[in-house]
Amino acid sequence: MIDLPDIDIDFADRTQILDYINGTPARLENGRKHNTGVHFTHIPTASDGITTIEHKQAEELGYFKLDLLNVNVYEGVSDETHLVELMTTEPRWNRLWEDREFCEKIIHISNYYDLVASMKPDSIPRMAMLLAVLRPGKKSLRNKTWKEVGETVWIKPAGFGSSYYFKKAHAVAYANLVVVHMNLLDSLN
């Protein structure tokens, strides 16, 4: 099996890129169109415009897919300079566990206030680890010390299959988006 990278690219509106670059939507196991997956290289295509090969099988065969994600947080970002400012400003991490209402507005963690309040992430690496322990494959690490979490959180679970987990690159990217969202909401107050 070829180990292809799993690449997600965030957009405020993914249709803007799809208007310029032709791609073929990936197919799910149930035969429906993948919500975000697009192949930009030649791949067998059905009459409905979707690949004929289910996306996991396509990966095993060496077909490369990108996931183009709509992320509404970016609608509040005015330009690249603004985004860099939001990314590089240290957020007020303590708001996540001291202000439930604030935490419940934040992308990726809005439904996990109790865990956030318990673990108290205070940096991008720790937020990335928290985001990883939200996935079923690493839920056993919830409420462990940061040292304990850090020792195994990025190791692929044994018997991987139905036990979804986060790779470090995805978790760190999502953690950066949490920072952007926190700073964006803070700037509105």
N, C-alpha and C. Protein backbone atom coordinates (compact mmCIF):
# COMPACT_ATOMS: atom_id res chain seq x y z
N MET A 1 0.84 -1.19 0.00
CA MET A 1 0.00 0.00 0.00
C MET A 1 0.88 1.25 0.00
N ILE A 2 0.52 2.21 -0.79
CA ILE A 2 1.23 3.49 -0.86
C ILE A 2 0.74 4.36 0.29
N ASP A 3 1.68 4.96 1.02
CA ASP A 3 1.30 5.84 2.14
C ASP A 3 1.28 7.28 1.64
N LEU A 4 0.12 7.71 1.13
CA LEU A 4 -0.02 9.07 0.61
C LEU A 4 -0.31 10.04 1.75
N PRO A 5 0.14 11.28 1.62
CA PRO A 5 -0.17 12.26 2.66
C PRO A 5 -1.66 12.59 2.66
N ASP A 6 -2.15 12.98 3.83
CA ASP A 6 -3.54 13.40 3.99
C ASP A 6 -3.51 14.91 4.13
N ILE A 7 -3.92 15.61 3.07
CA ILE A 7 -3.79 17.06 3.06
C ILE A 7 -5.17 17.71 3.03
N ASP A 8 -5.40 18.58 4.01
CA ASP A 8 -6.61 19.39 4.08
C ASP A 8 -6.21 20.84 3.83
N ILE A 9 -7.00 21.54 3.04
CA ILE A 9 -6.76 22.96 2.79
C ILE A 9 -8.05 23.70 3.14
N ASP A 10 -7.92 24.70 4.01
CA ASP A 10 -9.08 25.45 4.48
C ASP A 10 -9.36 26.67 3.59
N PHE A 11 -10.63 26.93 3.38
CA PHE A 11 -11.08 28.09 2.61
C PHE A 11 -12.28 28.70 3.31
N ALA A 12 -12.44 30.00 3.15
CA ALA A 12 -13.69 30.62 3.59
C ALA A 12 -14.81 30.14 2.67
N ASP A 13 -14.49 29.96 1.38
CA ASP A 13 -15.46 29.48 0.39
C ASP A 13 -14.70 28.65 -0.64
N ARG A 14 -14.79 27.34 -0.53
CA ARG A 14 -14.02 26.44 -1.40
C ARG A 14 -14.43 26.52 -2.87
N THR A 15 -15.63 27.03 -3.15
CA THR A 15 -16.06 27.12 -4.54
C THR A 15 -15.18 28.10 -5.32
N GLN A 16 -14.57 29.05 -4.63
CA GLN A 16 -13.71 30.01 -5.33
C GLN A 16 -12.54 29.31 -6.01
N ILE A 17 -11.93 28.33 -5.36
CA ILE A 17 -10.82 27.60 -5.99
C ILE A 17 -11.34 26.62 -7.02
N LEU A 18 -12.47 25.99 -6.73
CA LEU A 18 -13.01 25.00 -7.66
C LEU A 18 -13.52 25.64 -8.95
N ASP A 19 -13.76 26.95 -8.95
CA ASP A 19 -14.14 27.66 -10.17
C ASP A 19 -12.94 27.81 -11.11
N TYR A 20 -11.71 27.72 -10.57
CA TYR A 20 -10.50 27.93 -11.35
C TYR A 20 -9.76 26.64 -11.71
N ILE A 21 -9.93 25.61 -10.89
CA ILE A 21 -9.20 24.37 -11.11
C ILE A 21 -10.20 23.23 -11.21
N ASN A 22 -10.13 22.49 -12.30
CA ASN A 22 -11.03 21.37 -12.47
C ASN A 22 -10.55 20.18 -11.65
N GLY A 23 -11.47 19.61 -10.91
CA GLY A 23 -11.17 18.42 -10.14
C GLY A 23 -12.33 17.45 -10.21
N THR A 24 -12.07 16.24 -9.79
CA THR A 24 -13.10 15.21 -9.77
C THR A 24 -13.43 14.88 -8.32
N PRO A 25 -14.68 15.06 -7.91
CA PRO A 25 -15.05 14.75 -6.53
C PRO A 25 -14.78 13.28 -6.20
N ALA A 26 -14.30 13.06 -4.99
CA ALA A 26 -14.08 11.70 -4.52
C ALA A 26 -15.42 11.04 -4.19
N ARG A 27 -15.39 9.72 -4.10
CA ARG A 27 -16.60 8.94 -3.81
C ARG A 27 -16.45 8.27 -2.45
N LEU A 28 -17.55 8.29 -1.67
CA LEU A 28 -17.58 7.62 -0.37
C LEU A 28 -17.94 6.14 -0.54
N GLU A 29 -17.78 5.38 0.53
CA GLU A 29 -18.12 3.95 0.50
C GLU A 29 -19.58 3.70 0.13
N ASN A 30 -20.46 4.63 0.51
CA ASN A 30 -21.88 4.47 0.22
C ASN A 30 -22.25 4.90 -1.20
N GLY A 31 -21.24 5.30 -2.00
CA GLY A 31 -21.47 5.70 -3.38
C GLY A 31 -21.74 7.18 -3.57
N ARG A 32 -21.94 7.89 -2.48
CA ARG A 32 -22.22 9.33 -2.57
C ARG A 32 -20.93 10.12 -2.73
N LYS A 33 -21.11 11.38 -3.10
CA LYS A 33 -20.01 12.31 -3.27
C LYS A 33 -19.38 12.64 -1.92
N HIS A 34 -18.08 12.61 -1.87
CA HIS A 34 -17.32 13.01 -0.68
C HIS A 34 -17.54 14.52 -0.49
N ASN A 35 -17.80 14.95 0.74
CA ASN A 35 -18.09 16.37 1.00
C ASN A 35 -16.93 17.29 0.66
N THR A 36 -15.70 16.84 0.87
CA THR A 36 -14.56 17.74 0.70
C THR A 36 -13.48 17.21 -0.23
N GLY A 37 -13.43 15.90 -0.45
CA GLY A 37 -12.34 15.29 -1.21
C GLY A 37 -12.44 15.51 -2.70
N VAL A 38 -11.32 15.92 -3.29
CA VAL A 38 -11.25 16.18 -4.73
C VAL A 38 -9.94 15.64 -5.27
N HIS A 39 -10.01 14.95 -6.41
CA HIS A 39 -8.82 14.49 -7.12
C HIS A 39 -8.53 15.49 -8.24
N PHE A 40 -7.28 15.92 -8.34
CA PHE A 40 -6.90 16.88 -9.38
C PHE A 40 -6.04 16.24 -10.45
N THR A 41 -5.92 14.94 -10.40
CA THR A 41 -5.21 14.19 -11.44
C THR A 41 -6.22 13.25 -12.09
N HIS A 42 -5.82 12.63 -13.19
CA HIS A 42 -6.73 11.71 -13.89
C HIS A 42 -7.12 10.56 -12.97
N ILE A 43 -8.41 10.29 -12.92
CA ILE A 43 -8.95 9.16 -12.18
C ILE A 43 -10.24 8.75 -12.89
N PRO A 44 -10.52 7.45 -12.98
CA PRO A 44 -11.76 7.03 -13.65
C PRO A 44 -12.98 7.73 -13.04
N THR A 45 -13.83 8.25 -13.93
CA THR A 45 -14.97 9.06 -13.49
C THR A 45 -16.27 8.48 -14.04
N ALA A 46 -17.28 8.45 -13.21
CA ALA A 46 -18.61 7.96 -13.61
C ALA A 46 -19.39 9.06 -14.30
N SER A 47 -20.54 8.70 -14.86
CA SER A 47 -21.37 9.67 -15.57
C SER A 47 -21.90 10.76 -14.65
N ASP A 48 -21.93 10.51 -13.32
CA ASP A 48 -22.39 11.54 -12.38
C ASP A 48 -21.28 12.54 -12.02
N GLY A 49 -20.09 12.38 -12.62
CA GLY A 49 -18.99 13.30 -12.40
C GLY A 49 -18.13 12.98 -11.19
N ILE A 50 -18.48 11.93 -10.47
CA ILE A 50 -17.74 11.50 -9.28
C ILE A 50 -16.84 10.33 -9.68
N THR A 51 -15.74 10.15 -8.99
CA THR A 51 -14.86 9.02 -9.30
C THR A 51 -15.63 7.71 -9.21
N THR A 52 -15.17 6.74 -9.96
CA THR A 52 -15.78 5.41 -9.90
C THR A 52 -15.20 4.59 -8.75
N ILE A 53 -14.12 5.06 -8.16
CA ILE A 53 -13.41 4.32 -7.13
C ILE A 53 -13.62 5.00 -5.78
N GLU A 54 -14.03 4.23 -4.79
CA GLU A 54 -14.21 4.74 -3.43
C GLU A 54 -12.88 5.33 -2.95
N HIS A 55 -12.95 6.43 -2.16
CA HIS A 55 -11.75 7.21 -1.86
C HIS A 55 -10.65 6.43 -1.13
N LYS A 56 -11.00 5.51 -0.24
CA LYS A 56 -9.96 4.73 0.46
C LYS A 56 -9.28 3.75 -0.50
N GLN A 57 -10.06 3.15 -1.35
CA GLN A 57 -9.50 2.24 -2.36
C GLN A 57 -8.65 3.02 -3.36
N ALA A 58 -9.12 4.22 -3.72
CA ALA A 58 -8.36 5.06 -4.65
C ALA A 58 -6.99 5.39 -4.06
N GLU A 59 -6.95 5.68 -2.76
CA GLU A 59 -5.66 5.96 -2.11
C GLU A 59 -4.76 4.73 -2.17
N GLU A 60 -5.32 3.55 -1.90
CA GLU A 60 -4.53 2.31 -1.97
C GLU A 60 -3.96 2.08 -3.36
N LEU A 61 -4.69 2.56 -4.38
CA LEU A 61 -4.24 2.42 -5.76
C LEU A 61 -3.28 3.53 -6.18
N GLY A 62 -3.04 4.50 -5.29
CA GLY A 62 -2.09 5.57 -5.58
C GLY A 62 -2.68 6.86 -6.09
N TYR A 63 -4.01 6.98 -6.08
CA TYR A 63 -4.64 8.23 -6.50
C TYR A 63 -4.61 9.21 -5.33
N PHE A 64 -4.16 10.41 -5.61
CA PHE A 64 -3.98 11.44 -4.60
C PHE A 64 -5.22 12.33 -4.52
N LYS A 65 -5.68 12.59 -3.29
CA LYS A 65 -6.87 13.41 -3.06
C LYS A 65 -6.50 14.55 -2.11
N LEU A 66 -7.08 15.71 -2.36
CA LEU A 66 -7.01 16.83 -1.42
C LEU A 66 -8.39 17.02 -0.82
N ASP A 67 -8.42 17.40 0.45
CA ASP A 67 -9.68 17.76 1.09
C ASP A 67 -9.74 19.28 1.17
N LEU A 68 -10.69 19.87 0.48
CA LEU A 68 -10.88 21.31 0.45
C LEU A 68 -12.04 21.64 1.38
N LEU A 69 -11.72 22.28 2.49
CA LEU A 69 -12.69 22.48 3.55
C LEU A 69 -13.21 23.91 3.61
N ASN A 70 -14.52 24.06 3.76
CA ASN A 70 -15.12 25.36 4.04
C ASN A 70 -15.00 25.61 5.54
N VAL A 71 -14.34 26.68 5.92
CA VAL A 71 -14.16 27.02 7.33
C VAL A 71 -14.67 28.44 7.53
N ASN A 72 -15.85 28.55 8.16
CA ASN A 72 -16.50 29.86 8.27
C ASN A 72 -15.71 30.85 9.13
N VAL A 73 -14.78 30.39 9.94
CA VAL A 73 -13.96 31.31 10.75
C VAL A 73 -13.25 32.31 9.84
N TYR A 74 -12.83 31.86 8.68
CA TYR A 74 -12.08 32.73 7.77
C TYR A 74 -12.91 33.86 7.17
N GLU A 75 -14.21 33.77 7.29
CA GLU A 75 -15.06 34.86 6.80
C GLU A 75 -14.79 36.15 7.56
N GLY A 76 -14.30 36.04 8.80
CA GLY A 76 -14.00 37.21 9.61
C GLY A 76 -12.59 37.75 9.42
N VAL A 77 -11.82 37.11 8.56
CA VAL A 77 -10.44 37.54 8.31
C VAL A 77 -10.43 38.43 7.07
N SER A 78 -9.91 39.64 7.22
CA SER A 78 -10.00 40.61 6.13
C SER A 78 -8.94 40.41 5.04
N ASP A 79 -7.73 40.00 5.42
CA ASP A 79 -6.68 39.81 4.43
C ASP A 79 -5.54 39.01 5.07
N GLU A 80 -4.48 38.78 4.31
CA GLU A 80 -3.36 37.97 4.79
C GLU A 80 -2.69 38.58 6.02
N THR A 81 -2.52 39.90 6.02
CA THR A 81 -1.89 40.57 7.16
C THR A 81 -2.73 40.35 8.43
N HIS A 82 -4.02 40.46 8.29
CA HIS A 82 -4.93 40.24 9.42
C HIS A 82 -4.81 38.80 9.91
N LEU A 83 -4.75 37.83 8.99
CA LEU A 83 -4.61 36.43 9.37
C LEU A 83 -3.30 36.19 10.13
N VAL A 84 -2.21 36.74 9.63
CA VAL A 84 -0.92 36.57 10.31
C VAL A 84 -0.98 37.17 11.71
N GLU A 85 -1.61 38.32 11.84
CA GLU A 85 -1.76 38.96 13.16
C GLU A 85 -2.56 38.06 14.11
N LEU A 86 -3.65 37.49 13.60
CA LEU A 86 -4.48 36.60 14.43
C LEU A 86 -3.73 35.33 14.81
N MET A 87 -2.88 34.84 13.91
CA MET A 87 -2.13 33.62 14.17
C MET A 87 -0.97 33.83 15.15
N THR A 88 -0.39 35.01 15.13
CA THR A 88 0.83 35.24 15.91
C THR A 88 0.59 35.94 17.24
N THR A 89 -0.63 36.36 17.48
CA THR A 89 -0.97 36.96 18.77
C THR A 89 -1.26 35.86 19.77
N GLU A 90 -0.59 35.89 20.91
CA GLU A 90 -0.85 34.88 21.95
C GLU A 90 -2.26 35.10 22.50
N PRO A 91 -3.11 34.09 22.40
CA PRO A 91 -4.48 34.26 22.89
C PRO A 91 -4.55 34.21 24.41
N ARG A 92 -5.65 34.66 24.93
CA ARG A 92 -5.89 34.55 26.37
C ARG A 92 -6.45 33.15 26.63
N TRP A 93 -5.53 32.20 26.77
CA TRP A 93 -5.90 30.79 26.91
C TRP A 93 -6.88 30.55 28.05
N ASN A 94 -6.67 31.26 29.16
CA ASN A 94 -7.50 31.03 30.34
C ASN A 94 -8.98 31.29 30.08
N ARG A 95 -9.31 32.06 29.06
CA ARG A 95 -10.73 32.29 28.74
C ARG A 95 -11.43 30.98 28.39
N LEU A 96 -10.67 30.02 27.86
CA LEU A 96 -11.28 28.75 27.46
C LEU A 96 -11.89 28.00 28.63
N TRP A 97 -11.24 28.05 29.78
CA TRP A 97 -11.78 27.31 30.93
C TRP A 97 -12.45 28.22 31.96
N GLU A 98 -12.24 29.53 31.86
CA GLU A 98 -12.89 30.46 32.79
C GLU A 98 -14.21 31.01 32.26
N ASP A 99 -14.42 30.91 30.95
CA ASP A 99 -15.59 31.48 30.32
C ASP A 99 -16.24 30.44 29.41
N ARG A 100 -17.15 29.66 29.97
CA ARG A 100 -17.80 28.56 29.23
C ARG A 100 -18.43 29.06 27.93
N GLU A 101 -19.10 30.21 28.00
CA GLU A 101 -19.77 30.76 26.81
C GLU A 101 -18.77 31.03 25.69
N PHE A 102 -17.62 31.57 26.05
CA PHE A 102 -16.56 31.83 25.07
C PHE A 102 -16.08 30.51 24.47
N CYS A 103 -15.76 29.54 25.30
CA CYS A 103 -15.27 28.25 24.84
C CYS A 103 -16.26 27.59 23.89
N GLU A 104 -17.53 27.71 24.20
CA GLU A 104 -18.55 27.06 23.39
C GLU A 104 -18.76 27.72 22.02
N LYS A 105 -18.08 28.82 21.77
CA LYS A 105 -18.12 29.47 20.46
C LYS A 105 -16.95 29.07 19.58
N ILE A 106 -15.94 28.44 20.17
CA ILE A 106 -14.69 28.19 19.47
C ILE A 106 -14.76 26.92 18.62
N ILE A 107 -14.36 27.06 17.38
CA ILE A 107 -14.35 25.94 16.45
C ILE A 107 -13.53 24.77 17.01
N HIS A 108 -13.98 23.58 16.74
CA HIS A 108 -13.34 22.31 17.12
C HIS A 108 -13.48 21.93 18.58
N ILE A 109 -13.70 22.88 19.49
CA ILE A 109 -13.77 22.53 20.92
C ILE A 109 -15.09 22.95 21.56
N SER A 110 -15.99 23.50 20.78
CA SER A 110 -17.22 24.08 21.34
C SER A 110 -18.05 23.10 22.17
N ASN A 111 -17.99 21.83 21.86
CA ASN A 111 -18.78 20.84 22.60
C ASN A 111 -17.99 20.13 23.70
N TYR A 112 -16.81 20.63 24.01
CA TYR A 112 -15.92 19.93 24.94
C TYR A 112 -15.47 20.80 26.11
N TYR A 113 -16.33 21.70 26.54
CA TYR A 113 -15.94 22.61 27.61
C TYR A 113 -15.38 21.88 28.84
N ASP A 114 -16.05 20.85 29.30
CA ASP A 114 -15.61 20.16 30.52
C ASP A 114 -14.20 19.60 30.36
N LEU A 115 -13.91 19.02 29.22
CA LEU A 115 -12.56 18.50 28.97
C LEU A 115 -11.54 19.63 28.87
N VAL A 116 -11.91 20.70 28.17
CA VAL A 116 -11.03 21.87 28.07
C VAL A 116 -10.75 22.43 29.46
N ALA A 117 -11.80 22.56 30.27
CA ALA A 117 -11.64 23.11 31.62
C ALA A 117 -10.79 22.20 32.50
N SER A 118 -10.87 20.92 32.26
CA SER A 118 -10.08 19.96 33.04
C SER A 118 -8.61 19.96 32.61
N MET A 119 -8.37 19.95 31.29
CA MET A 119 -7.00 19.83 30.79
C MET A 119 -6.28 21.18 30.68
N LYS A 120 -7.02 22.26 30.52
CA LYS A 120 -6.48 23.62 30.45
C LYS A 120 -5.33 23.79 29.45
N PRO A 121 -5.61 23.63 28.17
CA PRO A 121 -4.55 23.84 27.17
C PRO A 121 -4.11 25.30 27.17
N ASP A 122 -2.81 25.53 27.18
CA ASP A 122 -2.29 26.90 27.27
C ASP A 122 -1.22 27.19 26.23
N SER A 123 -1.22 26.42 25.16
CA SER A 123 -0.28 26.63 24.06
C SER A 123 -0.79 25.89 22.84
N ILE A 124 -0.23 26.19 21.69
CA ILE A 124 -0.63 25.48 20.47
C ILE A 124 -0.30 23.99 20.57
N PRO A 125 0.90 23.60 21.04
CA PRO A 125 1.15 22.15 21.16
C PRO A 125 0.15 21.44 22.09
N ARG A 126 -0.20 22.06 23.18
CA ARG A 126 -1.16 21.43 24.10
C ARG A 126 -2.57 21.43 23.51
N MET A 127 -2.94 22.48 22.81
CA MET A 127 -4.24 22.48 22.15
C MET A 127 -4.28 21.38 21.09
N ALA A 128 -3.19 21.19 20.37
CA ALA A 128 -3.12 20.12 19.37
C ALA A 128 -3.33 18.76 20.04
N MET A 129 -2.68 18.57 21.19
CA MET A 129 -2.85 17.30 21.90
C MET A 129 -4.29 17.13 22.39
N LEU A 130 -4.89 18.21 22.89
CA LEU A 130 -6.29 18.13 23.32
C LEU A 130 -7.18 17.75 22.14
N LEU A 131 -6.97 18.37 21.00
CA LEU A 131 -7.76 18.05 19.81
C LEU A 131 -7.57 16.58 19.42
N ALA A 132 -6.37 16.05 19.62
CA ALA A 132 -6.11 14.65 19.30
C ALA A 132 -6.85 13.72 20.24
N VAL A 133 -6.92 14.06 21.52
CA VAL A 133 -7.59 13.16 22.47
C VAL A 133 -9.11 13.22 22.34
N LEU A 134 -9.63 14.14 21.56
CA LEU A 134 -11.07 14.16 21.28
C LEU A 134 -11.46 13.02 20.34
N ARG A 135 -10.49 12.49 19.57
CA ARG A 135 -10.77 11.44 18.60
C ARG A 135 -10.84 10.08 19.31
N PRO A 136 -11.68 9.18 18.81
CA PRO A 136 -11.86 7.89 19.48
C PRO A 136 -10.56 7.11 19.71
N GLY A 137 -9.63 7.18 18.79
CA GLY A 137 -8.40 6.42 18.91
C GLY A 137 -7.51 6.85 20.06
N LYS A 138 -7.74 8.03 20.62
CA LYS A 138 -6.90 8.53 21.70
C LYS A 138 -7.70 8.98 22.92
N LYS A 139 -8.97 8.62 22.99
CA LYS A 139 -9.80 9.08 24.11
C LYS A 139 -9.32 8.56 25.46
N SER A 140 -8.54 7.49 25.47
CA SER A 140 -8.01 6.98 26.75
C SER A 140 -7.03 7.95 27.39
N LEU A 141 -6.57 8.94 26.64
CA LEU A 141 -5.61 9.91 27.16
C LEU A 141 -6.29 11.14 27.77
N ARG A 142 -7.60 11.19 27.71
CA ARG A 142 -8.31 12.34 28.27
C ARG A 142 -8.03 12.46 29.77
N ASN A 143 -7.76 13.68 30.18
CA ASN A 143 -7.52 14.02 31.59
C ASN A 143 -6.26 13.39 32.18
N LYS A 144 -5.35 12.95 31.33
CA LYS A 144 -4.03 12.53 31.80
C LYS A 144 -3.17 13.78 31.87
N THR A 145 -1.98 13.67 32.46
CA THR A 145 -1.07 14.81 32.49
C THR A 145 -0.59 15.10 31.07
N TRP A 146 -0.14 16.31 30.84
CA TRP A 146 0.39 16.66 29.52
C TRP A 146 1.57 15.77 29.17
N LYS A 147 2.38 15.42 30.15
CA LYS A 147 3.53 14.53 29.92
C LYS A 147 3.04 13.16 29.44
N GLU A 148 2.04 12.61 30.11
CA GLU A 148 1.49 11.30 29.71
C GLU A 148 0.88 11.37 28.32
N VAL A 149 0.14 12.42 28.04
CA VAL A 149 -0.48 12.57 26.72
C VAL A 149 0.61 12.66 25.65
N GLY A 150 1.61 13.49 25.91
CA GLY A 150 2.68 13.71 24.93
C GLY A 150 3.48 12.47 24.58
N GLU A 151 3.53 11.51 25.48
CA GLU A 151 4.32 10.30 25.23
C GLU A 151 3.74 9.41 24.14
N THR A 152 2.41 9.41 23.97
CA THR A 152 1.81 8.47 23.01
C THR A 152 0.77 9.06 22.07
N VAL A 153 0.44 10.32 22.23
CA VAL A 153 -0.68 10.87 21.46
C VAL A 153 -0.46 10.81 19.94
N TRP A 154 0.78 10.88 19.48
CA TRP A 154 1.03 10.91 18.04
C TRP A 154 1.36 9.54 17.46
N ILE A 155 1.27 8.51 18.26
CA ILE A 155 1.54 7.15 17.79
C ILE A 155 0.24 6.55 17.26
N LYS A 156 0.32 5.99 16.06
CA LYS A 156 -0.86 5.37 15.44
C LYS A 156 -1.35 4.23 16.33
N PRO A 157 -2.65 4.21 16.66
CA PRO A 157 -3.16 3.14 17.53
C PRO A 157 -2.96 1.76 16.92
N ALA A 158 -2.66 0.77 17.75
CA ALA A 158 -2.53 -0.61 17.29
C ALA A 158 -3.88 -1.09 16.80
N GLY A 159 -3.87 -1.91 15.77
CA GLY A 159 -5.13 -2.42 15.24
C GLY A 159 -5.96 -1.34 14.60
N PHE A 160 -5.27 -0.34 14.03
CA PHE A 160 -5.97 0.79 13.44
C PHE A 160 -6.96 0.30 12.39
N GLY A 161 -8.11 0.86 12.40
CA GLY A 161 -9.17 0.55 11.44
C GLY A 161 -10.31 1.49 11.69
N SER A 162 -11.15 1.11 12.63
CA SER A 162 -12.30 1.95 12.95
C SER A 162 -11.98 2.96 14.03
N SER A 163 -10.77 2.91 14.59
CA SER A 163 -10.39 3.79 15.68
C SER A 163 -9.74 5.05 15.14
N TYR A 164 -10.55 6.04 14.83
CA TYR A 164 -10.09 7.28 14.23
C TYR A 164 -9.19 8.05 15.18
N TYR A 165 -8.09 8.56 14.66
CA TYR A 165 -7.18 9.38 15.45
C TYR A 165 -6.66 10.52 14.58
N PHE A 166 -6.03 11.49 15.23
CA PHE A 166 -5.50 12.66 14.54
C PHE A 166 -3.99 12.53 14.36
N LYS A 167 -3.52 12.79 13.17
CA LYS A 167 -2.09 12.89 12.95
C LYS A 167 -1.64 14.26 13.47
N LYS A 168 -0.39 14.35 13.86
CA LYS A 168 0.12 15.58 14.48
C LYS A 168 -0.06 16.80 13.56
N ALA A 169 0.23 16.65 12.28
CA ALA A 169 0.13 17.79 11.36
C ALA A 169 -1.29 18.36 11.34
N HIS A 170 -2.30 17.49 11.31
CA HIS A 170 -3.68 17.97 11.32
C HIS A 170 -4.00 18.65 12.65
N ALA A 171 -3.60 18.03 13.73
CA ALA A 171 -3.93 18.58 15.05
C ALA A 171 -3.30 19.95 15.25
N VAL A 172 -2.05 20.12 14.83
CA VAL A 172 -1.38 21.42 14.98
C VAL A 172 -2.06 22.46 14.10
N ALA A 173 -2.43 22.09 12.89
CA ALA A 173 -3.14 23.03 12.01
C ALA A 173 -4.47 23.44 12.63
N TYR A 174 -5.21 22.48 13.18
CA TYR A 174 -6.47 22.80 13.82
C TYR A 174 -6.26 23.66 15.06
N ALA A 175 -5.19 23.39 15.80
CA ALA A 175 -4.88 24.20 16.99
C ALA A 175 -4.61 25.65 16.59
N ASN A 176 -3.92 25.85 15.48
CA ASN A 176 -3.69 27.21 14.99
C ASN A 176 -5.00 27.88 14.61
N LEU A 177 -5.93 27.12 14.04
CA LEU A 177 -7.23 27.69 13.72
C LEU A 177 -7.99 28.07 14.99
N VAL A 178 -7.85 27.29 16.05
CA VAL A 178 -8.46 27.64 17.33
C VAL A 178 -7.91 28.99 17.80
N VAL A 179 -6.60 29.18 17.68
CA VAL A 179 -5.98 30.45 18.07
C VAL A 179 -6.53 31.59 17.23
N VAL A 180 -6.63 31.40 15.94
CA VAL A 180 -7.19 32.44 15.06
C VAL A 180 -8.61 32.78 15.51
N HIS A 181 -9.40 31.76 15.77
CA HIS A 181 -10.79 32.00 16.17
C HIS A 181 -10.88 32.71 17.52
N MET A 182 -10.05 32.27 18.48
CA MET A 182 -10.04 32.94 19.79
C MET A 182 -9.69 34.42 19.63
N ASN A 183 -8.64 34.70 18.89
CA ASN A 183 -8.20 36.10 18.71
C ASN A 183 -9.20 36.91 17.91
N LEU A 184 -9.84 36.28 16.95
CA LEU A 184 -10.86 36.97 16.16
C LEU A 184 -12.04 37.36 17.05
N LEU A 185 -12.51 36.43 17.89
CA LEU A 185 -13.62 36.75 18.79
C LEU A 185 -13.21 37.79 19.82
N ASP A 186 -11.97 37.71 20.31
CA ASP A 186 -11.48 38.72 21.25
C ASP A 186 -11.43 40.10 20.61
N SER A 187 -11.08 40.15 19.33
CA SER A 187 -10.97 41.45 18.65
C SER A 187 -12.34 42.09 18.42
N LEU A 188 -13.38 41.29 18.46
CA LEU A 188 -14.73 41.82 18.27
C LEU A 188 -15.31 42.41 19.54
N ASN A 189 -14.68 42.13 20.68
CA ASN A 189 -15.17 42.65 21.97
C ASN A 189 -14.51 43.96 22.34
